[in-house]
Amino acid sequence: MYIYPSNLKARATLFLWRLKDVVIGILLIMLGAVMLSQTGSPVLLAAAAVYALLSIRFEENSVLDYMKYAFRFCVSKQQLYVWRCPA
């Protein structure tokens, strides 16, 4: 008996992240731990935490995608409002 996923073209994921994001996050954490032990600076560990937070995926969009959409809607794209009086 074989069990197949419902969408065979979907990208591989682990919990809420794509596997590429998991690998990048692990590498950042490892480099951050080395940097923290050698220099005492937690900058790279903070960058790893921010990257992990922004790369969380819900369905097909990441948190960063939602932030981009919100910025475009609120700031960069012009909203057109038409006011008409009922005659």
PDB file of N, CA and C in Angstrom:
ATOM      1  N   MET A   1       0.844  -1.175   0.000  1.00  0.00           N
ATOM      2  CA  MET A   1       0.000   0.000   0.000  1.00  0.00           C
ATOM      3  C   MET A   1       0.893   1.242   0.000  1.00  0.00           C
ATOM      4  N   TYR A   2       0.642   2.145  -0.927  1.00  0.00           N
ATOM      5  CA  TYR A   2       1.415   3.363  -1.042  1.00  0.00           C
ATOM      6  C   TYR A   2       0.540   4.548  -0.659  1.00  0.00           C
ATOM      7  N   ILE A   3       1.119   5.478   0.067  1.00  0.00           N
ATOM      8  CA  ILE A   3       0.398   6.697   0.437  1.00  0.00           C
ATOM      9  C   ILE A   3       1.097   7.863  -0.234  1.00  0.00           C
ATOM     10  N   TYR A   4       0.389   8.563  -1.100  1.00  0.00           N
ATOM     11  CA  TYR A   4       0.949   9.695  -1.821  1.00  0.00           C
ATOM     12  C   TYR A   4       0.385  10.994  -1.259  1.00  0.00           C
ATOM     13  N   PRO A   5       1.180  12.065  -1.294  1.00  0.00           N
ATOM     14  CA  PRO A   5       0.632  13.366  -0.884  1.00  0.00           C
ATOM     15  C   PRO A   5      -0.413  13.832  -1.887  1.00  0.00           C
ATOM     16  N   SER A   6      -1.278  14.712  -1.455  1.00  0.00           N
ATOM     17  CA  SER A   6      -2.363  15.159  -2.331  1.00  0.00           C
ATOM     18  C   SER A   6      -1.846  16.024  -3.486  1.00  0.00           C
ATOM     19  N   ASN A   7      -0.760  16.744  -3.279  1.00  0.00           N
ATOM     20  CA  ASN A   7      -0.218  17.604  -4.320  1.00  0.00           C
ATOM     21  C   ASN A   7       1.222  17.173  -4.589  1.00  0.00           C
ATOM     22  N   LEU A   8       1.445  16.480  -5.688  1.00  0.00           N
ATOM     23  CA  LEU A   8       2.781  15.963  -5.983  1.00  0.00           C
ATOM     24  C   LEU A   8       3.743  17.035  -6.472  1.00  0.00           C
ATOM     25  N   LYS A   9       3.239  18.189  -6.883  1.00  0.00           N
ATOM     26  CA  LYS A   9       4.109  19.266  -7.358  1.00  0.00           C
ATOM     27  C   LYS A   9       4.460  20.265  -6.262  1.00  0.00           C
ATOM     28  N   ALA A  10       3.969  20.063  -5.064  1.00  0.00           N
ATOM     29  CA  ALA A  10       4.262  20.971  -3.958  1.00  0.00           C
ATOM     30  C   ALA A  10       5.714  20.812  -3.535  1.00  0.00           C
ATOM     31  N   ARG A  11       6.282  21.889  -3.030  1.00  0.00           N
ATOM     32  CA  ARG A  11       7.657  21.845  -2.562  1.00  0.00           C
ATOM     33  C   ARG A  11       7.728  21.153  -1.209  1.00  0.00           C
ATOM     34  N   ALA A  12       8.885  20.574  -0.947  1.00  0.00           N
ATOM     35  CA  ALA A  12       9.075  19.852   0.307  1.00  0.00           C
ATOM     36  C   ALA A  12       9.094  20.827   1.483  1.00  0.00           C
ATOM     37  N   THR A  13       8.369  20.487   2.545  1.00  0.00           N
ATOM     38  CA  THR A  13       8.301  21.351   3.711  1.00  0.00           C
ATOM     39  C   THR A  13       8.586  20.558   4.977  1.00  0.00           C
ATOM     40  N   LEU A  14       8.998  21.260   5.998  1.00  0.00           N
ATOM     41  CA  LEU A  14       9.207  20.685   7.319  1.00  0.00           C
ATOM     42  C   LEU A  14       8.512  21.605   8.298  1.00  0.00           C
ATOM     43  N   PHE A  15       7.438  21.137   8.890  1.00  0.00           N
ATOM     44  CA  PHE A  15       6.571  21.931   9.761  1.00  0.00           C
ATOM     45  C   PHE A  15       6.056  23.140   8.980  1.00  0.00           C
ATOM     46  N   LEU A  16       6.475  24.350   9.315  1.00  0.00           N
ATOM     47  CA  LEU A  16       5.967  25.543   8.631  1.00  0.00           C
ATOM     48  C   LEU A  16       6.977  26.165   7.681  1.00  0.00           C
ATOM     49  N   TRP A  17       8.114  25.504   7.439  1.00  0.00           N
ATOM     50  CA  TRP A  17       9.152  26.063   6.588  1.00  0.00           C
ATOM     51  C   TRP A  17       9.426  25.144   5.414  1.00  0.00           C
ATOM     52  N   ARG A  18       9.891  25.728   4.308  1.00  0.00           N
ATOM     53  CA  ARG A  18      10.405  24.914   3.215  1.00  0.00           C
ATOM     54  C   ARG A  18      11.772  24.394   3.630  1.00  0.00           C
ATOM     55  N   LEU A  19      12.192  23.304   3.028  1.00  0.00           N
ATOM     56  CA  LEU A  19      13.461  22.696   3.413  1.00  0.00           C
ATOM     57  C   LEU A  19      14.644  23.634   3.151  1.00  0.00           C
ATOM     58  N   LYS A  20      14.563  24.432   2.103  1.00  0.00           N
ATOM     59  CA  LYS A  20      15.625  25.407   1.824  1.00  0.00           C
ATOM     60  C   LYS A  20      15.746  26.399   2.976  1.00  0.00           C
ATOM     61  N   ASP A  21      14.620  26.857   3.497  1.00  0.00           N
ATOM     62  CA  ASP A  21      14.634  27.803   4.614  1.00  0.00           C
ATOM     63  C   ASP A  21      15.166  27.157   5.894  1.00  0.00           C
ATOM     64  N   VAL A  22      14.876  25.876   6.091  1.00  0.00           N
ATOM     65  CA  VAL A  22      15.376  25.164   7.273  1.00  0.00           C
ATOM     66  C   VAL A  22      16.898  25.064   7.210  1.00  0.00           C
ATOM     67  N   VAL A  23      17.432  24.724   6.036  1.00  0.00           N
ATOM     68  CA  VAL A  23      18.883  24.600   5.882  1.00  0.00           C
ATOM     69  C   VAL A  23      19.562  25.949   6.088  1.00  0.00           C
ATOM     70  N   ILE A  24      19.021  27.001   5.505  1.00  0.00           N
ATOM     71  CA  ILE A  24      19.600  28.340   5.683  1.00  0.00           C
ATOM     72  C   ILE A  24      19.538  28.751   7.148  1.00  0.00           C
ATOM     73  N   GLY A  25      18.429  28.486   7.812  1.00  0.00           N
ATOM     74  CA  GLY A  25      18.297  28.824   9.224  1.00  0.00           C
ATOM     75  C   GLY A  25      19.299  28.087  10.092  1.00  0.00           C
ATOM     76  N   ILE A  26      19.492  26.795   9.828  1.00  0.00           N
ATOM     77  CA  ILE A  26      20.464  26.014  10.600  1.00  0.00           C
ATOM     78  C   ILE A  26      21.876  26.534  10.378  1.00  0.00           C
ATOM     79  N   LEU A  27      22.214  26.858   9.131  1.00  0.00           N
ATOM     80  CA  LEU A  27      23.544  27.416   8.862  1.00  0.00           C
ATOM     81  C   LEU A  27      23.745  28.759   9.567  1.00  0.00           C
ATOM     82  N   LEU A  28      22.722  29.606   9.560  1.00  0.00           N
ATOM     83  CA  LEU A  28      22.831  30.891  10.259  1.00  0.00           C
ATOM     84  C   LEU A  28      22.986  30.698  11.763  1.00  0.00           C
ATOM     85  N   ILE A  29      22.267  29.741  12.319  1.00  0.00           N
ATOM     86  CA  ILE A  29      22.379  29.479  13.759  1.00  0.00           C
ATOM     87  C   ILE A  29      23.778  28.963  14.100  1.00  0.00           C
ATOM     88  N   MET A  30      24.305  28.062  13.267  1.00  0.00           N
ATOM     89  CA  MET A  30      25.652  27.547  13.525  1.00  0.00           C
ATOM     90  C   MET A  30      26.704  28.642  13.420  1.00  0.00           C
ATOM     91  N   LEU A  31      26.623  29.459  12.370  1.00  0.00           N
ATOM     92  CA  LEU A  31      27.570  30.568  12.227  1.00  0.00           C
ATOM     93  C   LEU A  31      27.390  31.595  13.348  1.00  0.00           C
ATOM     94  N   GLY A  32      26.153  31.804  13.762  1.00  0.00           N
ATOM     95  CA  GLY A  32      25.881  32.726  14.856  1.00  0.00           C
ATOM     96  C   GLY A  32      26.444  32.235  16.172  1.00  0.00           C
ATOM     97  N   ALA A  33      26.368  30.927  16.405  1.00  0.00           N
ATOM     98  CA  ALA A  33      26.935  30.367  17.634  1.00  0.00           C
ATOM     99  C   ALA A  33      28.449  30.511  17.649  1.00  0.00           C
ATOM    100  N   VAL A  34      29.077  30.286  16.488  1.00  0.00           N
ATOM    101  CA  VAL A  34      30.530  30.469  16.398  1.00  0.00           C
ATOM    102  C   VAL A  34      30.888  31.936  16.606  1.00  0.00           C
ATOM    103  N   MET A  35      30.141  32.831  15.985  1.00  0.00           N
ATOM    104  CA  MET A  35      30.412  34.256  16.131  1.00  0.00           C
ATOM    105  C   MET A  35      30.195  34.705  17.578  1.00  0.00           C
ATOM    106  N   LEU A  36      29.173  34.185  18.225  1.00  0.00           N
ATOM    107  CA  LEU A  36      28.901  34.542  19.614  1.00  0.00           C
ATOM    108  C   LEU A  36      30.019  34.057  20.537  1.00  0.00           C
ATOM    109  N   SER A  37      30.522  32.856  20.283  1.00  0.00           N
ATOM    110  CA  SER A  37      31.584  32.334  21.151  1.00  0.00           C
ATOM    111  C   SER A  37      32.914  33.037  20.922  1.00  0.00           C
ATOM    112  N   GLN A  38      33.162  33.503  19.701  1.00  0.00           N
ATOM    113  CA  GLN A  38      34.448  34.128  19.396  1.00  0.00           C
ATOM    114  C   GLN A  38      34.462  35.623  19.684  1.00  0.00           C
ATOM    115  N   THR A  39      33.371  36.317  19.357  1.00  0.00           N
ATOM    116  CA  THR A  39      33.350  37.776  19.495  1.00  0.00           C
ATOM    117  C   THR A  39      32.400  38.275  20.573  1.00  0.00           C
ATOM    118  N   GLY A  40      31.460  37.446  20.980  1.00  0.00           N
ATOM    119  CA  GLY A  40      30.486  37.874  21.976  1.00  0.00           C
ATOM    120  C   GLY A  40      29.350  38.690  21.385  1.00  0.00           C
ATOM    121  N   SER A  41      29.247  38.725  20.056  1.00  0.00           N
ATOM    122  CA  SER A  41      28.213  39.497  19.382  1.00  0.00           C
ATOM    123  C   SER A  41      27.080  38.572  18.915  1.00  0.00           C
ATOM    124  N   PRO A  42      25.862  38.821  19.375  1.00  0.00           N
ATOM    125  CA  PRO A  42      24.735  37.960  18.984  1.00  0.00           C
ATOM    126  C   PRO A  42      24.025  38.425  17.710  1.00  0.00           C
ATOM    127  N   VAL A  43      24.687  39.203  16.876  1.00  0.00           N
ATOM    128  CA  VAL A  43      24.037  39.777  15.695  1.00  0.00           C
ATOM    129  C   VAL A  43      23.567  38.685  14.732  1.00  0.00           C
ATOM    130  N   LEU A  44      24.404  37.713  14.448  1.00  0.00           N
ATOM    131  CA  LEU A  44      24.028  36.671  13.491  1.00  0.00           C
ATOM    132  C   LEU A  44      22.935  35.754  14.049  1.00  0.00           C
ATOM    133  N   LEU A  45      22.928  35.538  15.360  1.00  0.00           N
ATOM    134  CA  LEU A  45      21.834  34.759  15.959  1.00  0.00           C
ATOM    135  C   LEU A  45      20.510  35.515  15.848  1.00  0.00           C
ATOM    136  N   ALA A  46      20.558  36.828  16.022  1.00  0.00           N
ATOM    137  CA  ALA A  46      19.350  37.641  15.852  1.00  0.00           C
ATOM    138  C   ALA A  46      18.884  37.605  14.397  1.00  0.00           C
ATOM    139  N   ALA A  47      19.836  37.656  13.461  1.00  0.00           N
ATOM    140  CA  ALA A  47      19.482  37.565  12.040  1.00  0.00           C
ATOM    141  C   ALA A  47      18.844  36.214  11.727  1.00  0.00           C
ATOM    142  N   ALA A  48      19.344  35.149  12.347  1.00  0.00           N
ATOM    143  CA  ALA A  48      18.761  33.822  12.138  1.00  0.00           C
ATOM    144  C   ALA A  48      17.337  33.765  12.674  1.00  0.00           C
ATOM    145  N   ALA A  49      17.105  34.383  13.825  1.00  0.00           N
ATOM    146  CA  ALA A  49      15.757  34.397  14.402  1.00  0.00           C
ATOM    147  C   ALA A  49      14.789  35.187  13.523  1.00  0.00           C
ATOM    148  N   VAL A  50      15.237  36.324  13.018  1.00  0.00           N
ATOM    149  CA  VAL A  50      14.383  37.141  12.138  1.00  0.00           C
ATOM    150  C   VAL A  50      14.091  36.388  10.844  1.00  0.00           C
ATOM    151  N   TYR A  51      15.119  35.748  10.280  1.00  0.00           N
ATOM    152  CA  TYR A  51      14.918  34.980   9.050  1.00  0.00           C
ATOM    153  C   TYR A  51      13.923  33.837   9.276  1.00  0.00           C
ATOM    154  N   ALA A  52      14.061  33.148  10.398  1.00  0.00           N
ATOM    155  CA  ALA A  52      13.140  32.042  10.700  1.00  0.00           C
ATOM    156  C   ALA A  52      11.707  32.555  10.853  1.00  0.00           C
ATOM    157  N   LEU A  53      11.548  33.696  11.481  1.00  0.00           N
ATOM    158  CA  LEU A  53      10.211  34.265  11.661  1.00  0.00           C
ATOM    159  C   LEU A  53       9.601  34.688  10.333  1.00  0.00           C
ATOM    160  N   LEU A  54      10.396  35.326   9.471  1.00  0.00           N
ATOM    161  CA  LEU A  54       9.867  35.827   8.202  1.00  0.00           C
ATOM    162  C   LEU A  54       9.653  34.733   7.167  1.00  0.00           C
ATOM    163  N   SER A  55      10.287  33.583   7.340  1.00  0.00           N
ATOM    164  CA  SER A  55      10.146  32.530   6.336  1.00  0.00           C
ATOM    165  C   SER A  55       9.090  31.492   6.705  1.00  0.00           C
ATOM    166  N   ILE A  56       8.363  31.692   7.793  1.00  0.00           N
ATOM    167  CA  ILE A  56       7.255  30.789   8.132  1.00  0.00           C
ATOM    168  C   ILE A  56       6.213  30.871   7.026  1.00  0.00           C
ATOM    169  N   ARG A  57       5.736  29.729   6.584  1.00  0.00           N
ATOM    170  CA  ARG A  57       4.779  29.686   5.471  1.00  0.00           C
ATOM    171  C   ARG A  57       3.420  29.200   5.941  1.00  0.00           C
ATOM    172  N   PHE A  58       2.395  29.897   5.487  1.00  0.00           N
ATOM    173  CA  PHE A  58       1.013  29.474   5.666  1.00  0.00           C
ATOM    174  C   PHE A  58       0.459  29.249   4.274  1.00  0.00           C
ATOM    175  N   GLU A  59       0.134  28.020   3.960  1.00  0.00           N
ATOM    176  CA  GLU A  59      -0.281  27.606   2.624  1.00  0.00           C
ATOM    177  C   GLU A  59       0.840  27.927   1.650  1.00  0.00           C
ATOM    178  N   GLU A  60       0.703  28.873   0.756  1.00  0.00           N
ATOM    179  CA  GLU A  60       1.762  29.159  -0.218  1.00  0.00           C
ATOM    180  C   GLU A  60       2.474  30.483   0.027  1.00  0.00           C
ATOM    181  N   ASN A  61       2.079  31.246   1.040  1.00  0.00           N
ATOM    182  CA  ASN A  61       2.679  32.548   1.285  1.00  0.00           C
ATOM    183  C   ASN A  61       3.438  32.554   2.599  1.00  0.00           C
ATOM    184  N   SER A  62       4.556  33.265   2.599  1.00  0.00           N
ATOM    185  CA  SER A  62       5.327  33.406   3.829  1.00  0.00           C
ATOM    186  C   SER A  62       4.904  34.685   4.551  1.00  0.00           C
ATOM    187  N   VAL A  63       5.385  34.843   5.760  1.00  0.00           N
ATOM    188  CA  VAL A  63       5.087  36.049   6.531  1.00  0.00           C
ATOM    189  C   VAL A  63       5.643  37.272   5.799  1.00  0.00           C
ATOM    190  N   LEU A  64       6.813  37.127   5.187  1.00  0.00           N
ATOM    191  CA  LEU A  64       7.395  38.233   4.429  1.00  0.00           C
ATOM    192  C   LEU A  64       6.508  38.621   3.242  1.00  0.00           C
ATOM    193  N   ASP A  65       5.904  37.636   2.579  1.00  0.00           N
ATOM    194  CA  ASP A  65       4.984  37.928   1.473  1.00  0.00           C
ATOM    195  C   ASP A  65       3.789  38.735   1.963  1.00  0.00           C
ATOM    196  N   TYR A  66       3.222  38.346   3.124  1.00  0.00           N
ATOM    197  CA  TYR A  66       2.100  39.097   3.681  1.00  0.00           C
ATOM    198  C   TYR A  66       2.510  40.526   4.017  1.00  0.00           C
ATOM    199  N   MET A  67       3.715  40.701   4.539  1.00  0.00           N
ATOM    200  CA  MET A  67       4.185  42.046   4.860  1.00  0.00           C
ATOM    201  C   MET A  67       4.361  42.877   3.590  1.00  0.00           C
ATOM    202  N   LYS A  68       4.862  42.263   2.514  1.00  0.00           N
ATOM    203  CA  LYS A  68       5.003  42.969   1.233  1.00  0.00           C
ATOM    204  C   LYS A  68       3.637  43.391   0.698  1.00  0.00           C
ATOM    205  N   TYR A  69       2.663  42.478   0.752  1.00  0.00           N
ATOM    206  CA  TYR A  69       1.320  42.804   0.267  1.00  0.00           C
ATOM    207  C   TYR A  69       0.711  43.950   1.070  1.00  0.00           C
ATOM    208  N   ALA A  70       0.889  43.929   2.382  1.00  0.00           N
ATOM    209  CA  ALA A  70       0.348  44.992   3.229  1.00  0.00           C
ATOM    210  C   ALA A  70       1.017  46.324   2.926  1.00  0.00           C
ATOM    211  N   PHE A  71       2.342  46.309   2.714  1.00  0.00           N
ATOM    212  CA  PHE A  71       3.046  47.551   2.387  1.00  0.00           C
ATOM    213  C   PHE A  71       2.567  48.109   1.058  1.00  0.00           C
ATOM    214  N   ARG A  72       2.434  47.244   0.058  1.00  0.00           N
ATOM    215  CA  ARG A  72       1.967  47.705  -1.246  1.00  0.00           C
ATOM    216  C   ARG A  72       0.551  48.277  -1.156  1.00  0.00           C
ATOM    217  N   PHE A  73      -0.309  47.625  -0.398  1.00  0.00           N
ATOM    218  CA  PHE A  73      -1.685  48.095  -0.285  1.00  0.00           C
ATOM    219  C   PHE A  73      -1.759  49.426   0.441  1.00  0.00           C
ATOM    220  N   CYS A  74      -0.999  49.578   1.525  1.00  0.00           N
ATOM    221  CA  CYS A  74      -1.116  50.773   2.360  1.00  0.00           C
ATOM    222  C   CYS A  74      -0.247  51.929   1.895  1.00  0.00           C
ATOM    223  N   VAL A  75       0.895  51.660   1.285  1.00  0.00           N
ATOM    224  CA  VAL A  75       1.853  52.733   1.025  1.00  0.00           C
ATOM    225  C   VAL A  75       2.132  52.945  -0.457  1.00  0.00           C
ATOM    226  N   SER A  76       2.581  51.925  -1.151  1.00  0.00           N
ATOM    227  CA  SER A  76       3.152  52.172  -2.472  1.00  0.00           C
ATOM    228  C   SER A  76       2.137  52.212  -3.612  1.00  0.00           C
ATOM    229  N   LYS A  77       1.073  51.452  -3.546  1.00  0.00           N
ATOM    230  CA  LYS A  77       0.086  51.491  -4.630  1.00  0.00           C
ATOM    231  C   LYS A  77      -0.996  52.510  -4.304  1.00  0.00           C
ATOM    232  N   GLN A  78      -1.329  53.273  -5.316  1.00  0.00           N
ATOM    233  CA  GLN A  78      -2.341  54.292  -5.131  1.00  0.00           C
ATOM    234  C   GLN A  78      -3.723  53.640  -5.048  1.00  0.00           C
ATOM    235  N   GLN A  79      -4.461  54.051  -4.037  1.00  0.00           N
ATOM    236  CA  GLN A  79      -5.831  53.581  -3.891  1.00  0.00           C
ATOM    237  C   GLN A  79      -6.753  54.605  -4.543  1.00  0.00           C
ATOM    238  N   LEU A  80      -7.688  54.168  -5.321  1.00  0.00           N
ATOM    239  CA  LEU A  80      -8.598  55.060  -6.019  1.00  0.00           C
ATOM    240  C   LEU A  80      -9.984  54.931  -5.394  1.00  0.00           C
ATOM    241  N   TYR A  81     -10.445  56.026  -4.837  1.00  0.00           N
ATOM    242  CA  TYR A  81     -11.780  56.059  -4.240  1.00  0.00           C
ATOM    243  C   TYR A  81     -12.646  57.018  -5.052  1.00  0.00           C
ATOM    244  N   VAL A  82     -13.830  56.572  -5.424  1.00  0.00           N
ATOM    245  CA  VAL A  82     -14.741  57.397  -6.207  1.00  0.00           C
ATOM    246  C   VAL A  82     -15.979  57.658  -5.343  1.00  0.00           C
ATOM    247  N   TRP A  83     -16.248  58.923  -5.069  1.00  0.00           N
ATOM    248  CA  TRP A  83     -17.413  59.291  -4.278  1.00  0.00           C
ATOM    249  C   TRP A  83     -18.482  59.801  -5.233  1.00  0.00           C
ATOM    250  N   ARG A  84     -19.650  59.252  -5.110  1.00  0.00           N
ATOM    251  CA  ARG A  84     -20.756  59.684  -5.962  1.00  0.00           C
ATOM    252  C   ARG A  84     -21.968  59.950  -5.083  1.00  0.00           C
ATOM    253  N   CYS A  85     -22.631  60.998  -5.387  1.00  0.00           N
ATOM    254  CA  CYS A  85     -23.871  61.317  -4.689  1.00  0.00           C
ATOM    255  C   CYS A  85     -25.026  60.698  -5.453  1.00  0.00           C
ATOM    256  N   PRO A  86     -25.941  60.059  -4.732  1.00  0.00           N
ATOM    257  CA  PRO A  86     -27.095  59.489  -5.449  1.00  0.00           C
ATOM    258  C   PRO A  86     -27.961  60.626  -5.985  1.00  0.00           C
ATOM    259  N   ALA A  87     -28.300  60.568  -7.221  1.00  0.00           N
ATOM    260  CA  ALA A  87     -29.063  61.648  -7.851  1.00  0.00           C
ATOM    261  C   ALA A  87     -30.520  61.287  -7.991  1.00  0.00           C
TER     262      ALA A  87
END
